[in-house]
N, C-alpha and C. Protein backbone atom coordinates (compact mmCIF):
# COMPACT_ATOMS: atom_id res chain seq x y z
N LEU A 1 -8.98 -3.68 10.03
CA LEU A 1 -9.77 -3.99 10.59
C LEU A 1 -10.28 -2.90 11.49
N ARG A 2 -9.80 -2.52 12.16
CA ARG A 2 -9.68 -1.68 13.19
C ARG A 2 -9.71 0.08 12.43
N LEU A 3 -9.41 0.02 11.67
CA LEU A 3 -9.28 1.12 10.95
C LEU A 3 -10.83 1.69 10.02
N ALA A 4 -11.23 0.08 9.66
CA ALA A 4 -12.20 0.21 8.71
C ALA A 4 -13.41 0.30 9.84
N ARG A 5 -13.18 -0.21 10.97
CA ARG A 5 -14.57 -0.41 12.14
C ARG A 5 -14.85 1.23 12.17
N THR A 6 -13.76 2.23 12.55
CA THR A 6 -13.68 3.18 13.21
C THR A 6 -13.83 4.35 12.18
N PHE A 7 -13.47 3.88 10.65
CA PHE A 7 -14.33 4.92 9.69
C PHE A 7 -15.90 4.51 9.37
N GLN A 8 -16.21 3.85 9.65
CA GLN A 8 -17.70 3.03 9.72
C GLN A 8 -18.71 3.92 10.63
N GLU A 9 -17.83 4.00 11.90
CA GLU A 9 -18.92 4.56 12.78
C GLU A 9 -18.83 6.40 12.65
N VAL A 10 -17.89 6.39 11.69
CA VAL A 10 -18.09 8.17 11.51
C VAL A 10 -18.88 8.08 10.66
N ARG A 11 -18.48 7.35 9.43
CA ARG A 11 -19.75 7.20 8.17
C ARG A 11 -21.03 7.11 8.70
N ASP A 12 -21.37 6.63 9.85
CA ASP A 12 -22.95 6.43 10.32
C ASP A 12 -23.12 7.48 10.84
N LYS A 13 -22.23 7.99 12.00
CA LYS A 13 -22.87 9.03 12.51
C LYS A 13 -22.61 10.28 11.41
N TYR A 14 -22.07 10.69 10.59
CA TYR A 14 -22.03 11.82 9.58
C TYR A 14 -23.28 11.68 8.71
N GLY A 15 -23.54 10.76 8.19
CA GLY A 15 -24.78 10.36 7.76
C GLY A 15 -24.98 10.91 6.55
N SER A 16 -23.55 11.46 5.72
CA SER A 16 -23.87 11.32 4.11
C SER A 16 -22.47 10.85 3.75
N PRO A 17 -22.00 11.25 2.50
CA PRO A 17 -21.25 10.27 1.47
C PRO A 17 -20.07 10.98 1.82
N ILE A 18 -18.58 10.02 2.19
CA ILE A 18 -17.32 10.75 2.80
C ILE A 18 -16.18 10.26 1.75
N LEU A 19 -15.77 11.01 1.19
CA LEU A 19 -15.05 10.69 -0.37
C LEU A 19 -13.45 10.61 1.02
N ILE A 20 -12.70 9.26 0.50
CA ILE A 20 -11.60 9.03 0.77
C ILE A 20 -10.86 9.06 -0.20
N THR A 21 -9.72 10.22 0.21
CA THR A 21 -8.65 10.67 -0.95
C THR A 21 -7.42 10.04 -0.81
N SER A 22 -7.06 9.23 0.31
CA SER A 22 -5.69 8.33 0.63
C SER A 22 -6.29 7.86 1.56
N GLY A 23 -5.65 6.31 1.18
CA GLY A 23 -5.75 5.21 2.57
C GLY A 23 -3.75 4.82 2.66
N PHE A 24 -3.94 3.10 2.39
CA PHE A 24 -2.48 2.84 2.30
C PHE A 24 -1.73 3.21 0.93
N ARG A 25 -0.76 3.96 1.32
CA ARG A 25 0.94 4.33 0.27
C ARG A 25 1.74 3.73 0.64
N PRO A 26 2.07 2.84 -0.04
CA PRO A 26 3.64 2.32 0.10
C PRO A 26 4.60 3.64 0.29
N PRO A 27 5.65 3.54 0.80
CA PRO A 27 7.16 4.26 0.92
C PRO A 27 7.35 4.78 -0.30
N ALA A 28 7.34 4.31 -1.22
CA ALA A 28 7.50 4.92 -2.07
C ALA A 28 6.74 6.71 -2.93
N VAL A 29 5.42 6.14 -2.80
CA VAL A 29 3.98 6.34 -3.14
C VAL A 29 3.91 8.40 -1.91
N ASN A 30 4.25 7.19 -0.98
CA ASN A 30 3.94 8.31 0.07
C ASN A 30 5.24 9.49 0.35
N ARG A 31 6.41 8.92 0.00
CA ARG A 31 7.68 10.12 -0.32
C ARG A 31 7.22 11.15 -1.40
N ALA A 32 6.42 10.20 -2.48
CA ALA A 32 6.42 11.49 -3.87
C ALA A 32 5.29 12.10 -3.90
N VAL A 33 4.35 12.19 -2.53
CA VAL A 33 3.10 12.99 -2.23
C VAL A 33 4.12 13.86 -0.98
N GLY A 34 4.69 14.09 -0.91
CA GLY A 34 5.17 14.44 0.68
C GLY A 34 4.98 14.44 1.87
N GLY A 35 4.66 13.16 2.14
CA GLY A 35 4.13 12.05 3.50
C GLY A 35 5.30 12.46 4.07
N VAL A 36 5.62 11.88 5.32
CA VAL A 36 6.35 12.04 6.23
C VAL A 36 7.05 10.22 6.36
N SER A 37 7.99 10.56 6.79
CA SER A 37 8.99 8.92 7.10
C SER A 37 8.11 7.88 7.72
N ASN A 38 7.77 8.56 8.74
CA ASN A 38 6.55 7.01 9.95
C ASN A 38 5.22 7.75 9.48
N SER A 39 4.74 7.79 8.60
CA SER A 39 3.63 8.44 8.12
C SER A 39 2.68 6.99 8.57
N GLN A 40 1.46 7.71 9.32
CA GLN A 40 0.48 6.19 9.48
C GLN A 40 0.01 5.94 7.97
N HIS A 41 0.53 6.24 7.54
CA HIS A 41 -0.26 5.26 5.93
C HIS A 41 0.19 4.13 5.01
N ILE A 42 1.66 4.45 5.62
CA ILE A 42 2.50 3.09 5.31
C ILE A 42 1.81 1.76 6.06
N THR A 43 1.57 2.02 7.27
CA THR A 43 1.22 0.71 7.62
C THR A 43 -0.34 0.59 7.75
N PHE A 44 -1.19 1.43 6.58
CA PHE A 44 -2.42 1.43 6.82
C PHE A 44 -3.18 2.04 7.75
N LYS A 45 -3.16 2.51 8.21
CA LYS A 45 -3.74 3.27 9.93
C LYS A 45 -4.33 4.67 9.83
N ALA A 46 -4.00 4.86 8.31
CA ALA A 46 -4.89 6.45 7.92
C ALA A 46 -5.69 6.53 6.76
N LEU A 47 -6.54 7.00 7.19
CA LEU A 47 -7.57 7.80 5.75
C LEU A 47 -7.34 9.48 5.80
N ASP A 48 -7.23 9.96 4.81
CA ASP A 48 -7.18 11.68 4.40
C ASP A 48 -8.64 11.58 3.39
N MET A 49 -9.82 12.61 4.10
CA MET A 49 -10.89 12.03 3.70
C MET A 49 -11.57 13.98 3.31
N ARG A 50 -13.06 13.68 2.49
CA ARG A 50 -13.53 15.10 2.45
C ARG A 50 -15.15 14.91 1.97
N PRO A 51 -15.92 15.66 2.95
CA PRO A 51 -16.97 15.35 3.01
C PRO A 51 -17.78 15.86 1.67
N LEU A 52 -18.47 15.02 0.52
CA LEU A 52 -19.01 15.16 -0.63
C LEU A 52 -19.99 16.25 -0.74
N ASP A 53 -20.86 16.46 0.52
CA ASP A 53 -21.57 17.32 0.80
C ASP A 53 -21.52 18.80 1.06
N GLY A 54 -19.43 18.57 1.03
CA GLY A 54 -18.95 20.44 1.65
C GLY A 54 -19.20 21.00 2.86
N ASN A 55 -19.76 19.94 3.97
CA ASN A 55 -20.02 20.24 5.29
C ASN A 55 -18.56 20.01 6.28
N PHE A 56 -17.35 20.40 5.64
CA PHE A 56 -16.26 20.39 6.51
C PHE A 56 -16.51 20.62 8.10
N GLN A 57 -17.39 21.34 8.66
CA GLN A 57 -17.59 21.63 9.62
C GLN A 57 -18.16 20.81 10.90
N LYS A 58 -19.24 19.89 10.07
CA LYS A 58 -20.08 18.96 11.10
C LYS A 58 -18.91 17.79 10.66
N LEU A 59 -18.31 17.38 9.53
CA LEU A 59 -16.97 16.54 9.75
C LEU A 59 -15.93 16.57 10.70
N TRP A 60 -15.59 17.41 10.55
CA TRP A 60 -14.67 17.84 12.09
C TRP A 60 -14.94 17.24 13.14
N GLN A 61 -16.25 17.71 13.33
CA GLN A 61 -16.81 17.80 14.92
C GLN A 61 -17.03 15.89 15.16
N VAL A 62 -17.65 15.24 13.98
CA VAL A 62 -17.73 14.19 13.96
C VAL A 62 -16.16 13.32 14.17
N LEU A 63 -15.61 13.51 13.72
CA LEU A 63 -13.85 13.45 13.74
C LEU A 63 -13.72 13.59 15.15
N LYS A 64 -13.74 13.99 15.67
CA LYS A 64 -13.38 14.58 17.03
C LYS A 64 -13.94 14.11 18.46
N ALA A 65 -15.39 13.41 17.71
CA ALA A 65 -16.12 12.76 18.87
C ALA A 65 -15.84 11.27 18.57
N SER A 66 -15.28 10.82 17.52
CA SER A 66 -14.67 9.58 17.12
C SER A 66 -13.89 8.83 18.10
N LYS A 67 -13.34 7.94 17.73
CA LYS A 67 -12.36 6.62 18.14
C LYS A 67 -11.12 7.04 17.43
N PHE A 68 -11.28 7.42 16.61
CA PHE A 68 -9.41 7.82 15.78
C PHE A 68 -8.67 8.67 16.69
N THR A 69 -7.18 8.50 16.89
CA THR A 69 -6.12 8.81 17.77
C THR A 69 -5.46 10.06 17.22
N GLY A 70 -5.59 10.24 16.11
CA GLY A 70 -4.86 11.10 15.03
C GLY A 70 -5.40 11.70 14.48
N LEU A 71 -5.80 13.03 14.73
CA LEU A 71 -6.71 13.88 13.36
C LEU A 71 -5.70 14.72 12.92
N GLY A 72 -5.62 15.58 11.88
CA GLY A 72 -4.65 16.13 10.96
C GLY A 72 -6.06 16.96 10.34
N ASP A 73 -5.85 18.49 10.42
CA ASP A 73 -6.83 19.26 10.07
C ASP A 73 -5.89 20.08 9.04
N GLY A 74 -6.17 19.73 7.60
CA GLY A 74 -5.84 20.39 6.58
C GLY A 74 -6.61 21.43 6.11
N VAL A 75 -7.89 21.84 6.50
CA VAL A 75 -8.83 22.72 6.11
C VAL A 75 -8.62 23.82 6.18
N SER A 76 -8.27 24.23 7.62
CA SER A 76 -7.75 25.51 8.24
C SER A 76 -6.70 25.95 7.47
N THR A 77 -5.83 25.23 7.21
CA THR A 77 -4.41 26.19 5.97
C THR A 77 -5.23 25.99 4.93
N GLY A 78 -5.97 25.72 4.14
CA GLY A 78 -6.66 25.75 3.10
C GLY A 78 -6.68 24.55 2.25
N LYS A 79 -6.26 23.52 2.82
CA LYS A 79 -6.21 21.93 1.84
C LYS A 79 -7.53 21.59 2.15
N SER A 80 -8.34 21.06 1.47
CA SER A 80 -9.47 20.23 1.19
C SER A 80 -9.47 18.81 1.76
N PHE A 81 -9.03 18.69 2.83
CA PHE A 81 -9.05 17.35 3.65
C PHE A 81 -8.61 17.31 4.64
N TYR A 82 -9.08 16.22 5.48
CA TYR A 82 -8.89 15.50 7.01
C TYR A 82 -8.41 14.71 7.37
N HIS A 83 -7.25 14.51 8.03
CA HIS A 83 -6.49 13.38 7.98
C HIS A 83 -6.96 11.82 9.09
N ALA A 84 -7.62 11.06 9.60
CA ALA A 84 -7.25 10.47 10.25
C ALA A 84 -6.99 9.27 10.78
N ASP A 85 -6.43 8.68 11.94
CA ASP A 85 -5.55 7.44 12.00
C ASP A 85 -5.71 7.20 13.41
N ILE A 86 -5.66 6.01 13.61
CA ILE A 86 -5.67 4.82 14.43
C ILE A 86 -4.24 4.84 15.13
N ARG A 87 -3.22 5.56 15.53
CA ARG A 87 -1.74 5.61 15.90
C ARG A 87 -2.16 5.00 17.18
N ASP A 88 -1.36 4.33 18.11
CA ASP A 88 -0.89 4.06 19.22
C ASP A 88 -0.86 5.11 19.78
N GLY A 89 -1.44 5.26 21.45
CA GLY A 89 -0.73 6.50 22.20
C GLY A 89 -2.05 7.31 22.63
N GLY A 90 -1.80 8.37 22.92
CA GLY A 90 -3.15 9.36 23.16
C GLY A 90 -3.64 9.96 21.71
N ARG A 91 -4.34 10.74 21.93
CA ARG A 91 -5.16 11.66 21.28
C ARG A 91 -4.08 12.40 20.86
N LEU A 92 -4.02 12.91 19.51
CA LEU A 92 -2.86 13.82 18.92
C LEU A 92 -3.88 14.75 17.45
N ILE A 93 -4.07 16.24 18.13
CA ILE A 93 -4.75 16.60 16.40
C ILE A 93 -3.45 17.44 16.30
N PHE A 94 -3.30 17.75 15.16
CA PHE A 94 -2.35 18.72 13.88
C PHE A 94 -2.85 19.68 13.26
N GLY A 95 -2.02 20.29 12.71
CA GLY A 95 -2.98 20.87 11.27
C GLY A 95 -1.64 20.75 10.27
N TYR A 96 -2.02 21.01 9.22
CA TYR A 96 -0.51 21.19 7.89
C TYR A 96 -0.19 22.38 7.41
């Protein structure tokens, strides 16, 4: 429920459709897509997403101002998605 509420706040602030490309992944699926063994996706605490209007910069700014505690920037390394999670602990921003 916390993940859904946090994402809804991002959707409201972004104001345009956001495509979720990954949410919950069982361990076997997570391994198949190259996810790390302690992935937040396994416990359904993470989403990967991209903006349907193509405004990655705006979405990244909204994500950085959100309550998500883990943010992954796949866009700056040529991938077309951002990762956001509600991991415990302080804020962590990382690249792919």
